[in-house]
Amino acid sequence: MSITAINVRNQFRGRIKEVIEGPVVSEIDVETPSGLIVTSVITSRSVHELELTVGKEVIALVKSTEVSIATL
């Protein structure tokens, strides 16, 4: 399956900046070329299967049915 076959409109290309690995889930920080940080929480098993390491180029796919915004 190619990335174009995935029906996710919000795609952020970047490089992995940090991996915080836990026993079950891990946090992956992806930094885009503009400096935006996108954080994903995925299973630690997926981290190993996808061979996610700092510096690896990836695409963060964001699909959400709800985004909440609050005023400051």
C-alpha atoms as a PDB file:
ATOM      1  CA  MET A   1       0.000   0.000   0.000  1.00  0.00           C
ATOM      2  CA  SER A   2       1.357   3.406  -0.908  1.00  0.00           C
ATOM      3  CA  ILE A   3       0.881   6.594   1.110  1.00  0.00           C
ATOM      4  CA  THR A   4      -1.420   7.915  -1.648  1.00  0.00           C
ATOM      5  CA  ALA A   5      -3.743   4.960  -1.049  1.00  0.00           C
ATOM      6  CA  ILE A   6      -4.405   6.120   2.524  1.00  0.00           C
ATOM      7  CA  ASN A   7      -7.424   8.402   2.897  1.00  0.00           C
ATOM      8  CA  VAL A   8      -5.901  10.897   5.335  1.00  0.00           C
ATOM      9  CA  ARG A   9      -5.808  14.504   4.215  1.00  0.00           C
ATOM     10  CA  ASN A  10      -3.584  15.864   6.973  1.00  0.00           C
ATOM     11  CA  GLN A  11      -0.102  14.547   6.240  1.00  0.00           C
ATOM     12  CA  PHE A  12       3.009  16.100   7.754  1.00  0.00           C
ATOM     13  CA  ARG A  13       6.388  15.073   6.365  1.00  0.00           C
ATOM     14  CA  GLY A  14       9.247  15.352   8.835  1.00  0.00           C
ATOM     15  CA  ARG A  15      12.012  13.651  10.746  1.00  0.00           C
ATOM     16  CA  ILE A  16      11.774  11.870  14.051  1.00  0.00           C
ATOM     17  CA  LYS A  17      13.155  14.194  16.714  1.00  0.00           C
ATOM     18  CA  GLU A  18      12.610  12.030  19.798  1.00  0.00           C
ATOM     19  CA  VAL A  19      11.443   8.552  20.758  1.00  0.00           C
ATOM     20  CA  ILE A  20      10.288   8.001  24.344  1.00  0.00           C
ATOM     21  CA  GLU A  21       9.853   4.265  24.576  1.00  0.00           C
ATOM     22  CA  GLY A  22       7.695   2.635  27.221  1.00  0.00           C
ATOM     23  CA  PRO A  23       6.934  -1.015  27.929  1.00  0.00           C
ATOM     24  CA  VAL A  24       3.615  -0.917  26.038  1.00  0.00           C
ATOM     25  CA  VAL A  25       3.296   2.447  24.286  1.00  0.00           C
ATOM     26  CA  SER A  26       5.838   4.975  23.054  1.00  0.00           C
ATOM     27  CA  GLU A  27       5.798   8.669  22.133  1.00  0.00           C
ATOM     28  CA  ILE A  28       7.224   9.701  18.786  1.00  0.00           C
ATOM     29  CA  ASP A  29       7.969  13.392  18.135  1.00  0.00           C
ATOM     30  CA  VAL A  30       8.136  14.310  14.452  1.00  0.00           C
ATOM     31  CA  GLU A  31       9.552  17.710  13.467  1.00  0.00           C
ATOM     32  CA  THR A  32       8.348  19.173  10.161  1.00  0.00           C
ATOM     33  CA  PRO A  33      10.556  21.388   7.975  1.00  0.00           C
ATOM     34  CA  SER A  34       8.717  24.453   9.351  1.00  0.00           C
ATOM     35  CA  GLY A  35       9.550  23.434  12.936  1.00  0.00           C
ATOM     36  CA  LEU A  36       6.114  22.113  13.898  1.00  0.00           C
ATOM     37  CA  ILE A  37       6.282  19.168  16.314  1.00  0.00           C
ATOM     38  CA  VAL A  38       3.684  16.425  15.825  1.00  0.00           C
ATOM     39  CA  THR A  39       3.547  13.840  18.616  1.00  0.00           C
ATOM     40  CA  SER A  40       2.143  10.363  18.160  1.00  0.00           C
ATOM     41  CA  VAL A  41       1.514   7.712  20.794  1.00  0.00           C
ATOM     42  CA  ILE A  42       1.829   4.251  19.264  1.00  0.00           C
ATOM     43  CA  THR A  43       2.573   0.776  20.522  1.00  0.00           C
ATOM     44  CA  SER A  44       6.191   0.013  21.297  1.00  0.00           C
ATOM     45  CA  ARG A  45       5.827  -3.048  19.093  1.00  0.00           C
ATOM     46  CA  SER A  46       5.060  -0.750  16.134  1.00  0.00           C
ATOM     47  CA  VAL A  47       8.137   1.335  16.935  1.00  0.00           C
ATOM     48  CA  HIS A  48      10.274  -1.779  16.483  1.00  0.00           C
ATOM     49  CA  GLU A  49       8.401  -3.124  13.439  1.00  0.00           C
ATOM     50  CA  LEU A  50       8.644   0.242  11.632  1.00  0.00           C
ATOM     51  CA  GLU A  51      12.258   0.666  12.795  1.00  0.00           C
ATOM     52  CA  LEU A  52      11.515   4.185  14.045  1.00  0.00           C
ATOM     53  CA  THR A  53      14.677   5.940  15.187  1.00  0.00           C
ATOM     54  CA  VAL A  54      15.755   9.548  15.699  1.00  0.00           C
ATOM     55  CA  GLY A  55      16.522  11.182  12.354  1.00  0.00           C
ATOM     56  CA  LYS A  56      14.404   8.831  10.231  1.00  0.00           C
ATOM     57  CA  GLU A  57      12.207  10.588   7.663  1.00  0.00           C
ATOM     58  CA  VAL A  58       8.516   9.782   8.161  1.00  0.00           C
ATOM     59  CA  ILE A  59       5.046  11.100   7.410  1.00  0.00           C
ATOM     60  CA  ALA A  60       2.714  11.821  10.318  1.00  0.00           C
ATOM     61  CA  LEU A  61      -0.851  11.019   9.258  1.00  0.00           C
ATOM     62  CA  VAL A  62      -3.457  12.875  11.301  1.00  0.00           C
ATOM     63  CA  LYS A  63      -7.096  11.824  11.166  1.00  0.00           C
ATOM     64  CA  SER A  64      -9.514  13.180  13.715  1.00  0.00           C
ATOM     65  CA  THR A  65     -13.243  13.511  13.897  1.00  0.00           C
ATOM     66  CA  GLU A  66     -13.002  16.274  16.515  1.00  0.00           C
ATOM     67  CA  VAL A  67     -10.594  19.078  17.267  1.00  0.00           C
ATOM     68  CA  SER A  68     -11.333  21.239  20.313  1.00  0.00           C
ATOM     69  CA  ILE A  69     -10.196  24.850  20.593  1.00  0.00           C
ATOM     70  CA  ALA A  70     -10.370  27.038  23.681  1.00  0.00           C
ATOM     71  CA  THR A  71      -9.732  30.755  24.024  1.00  0.00           C
ATOM     72  CA  LEU A  72      -6.904  32.071  26.188  1.00  0.00           C
END
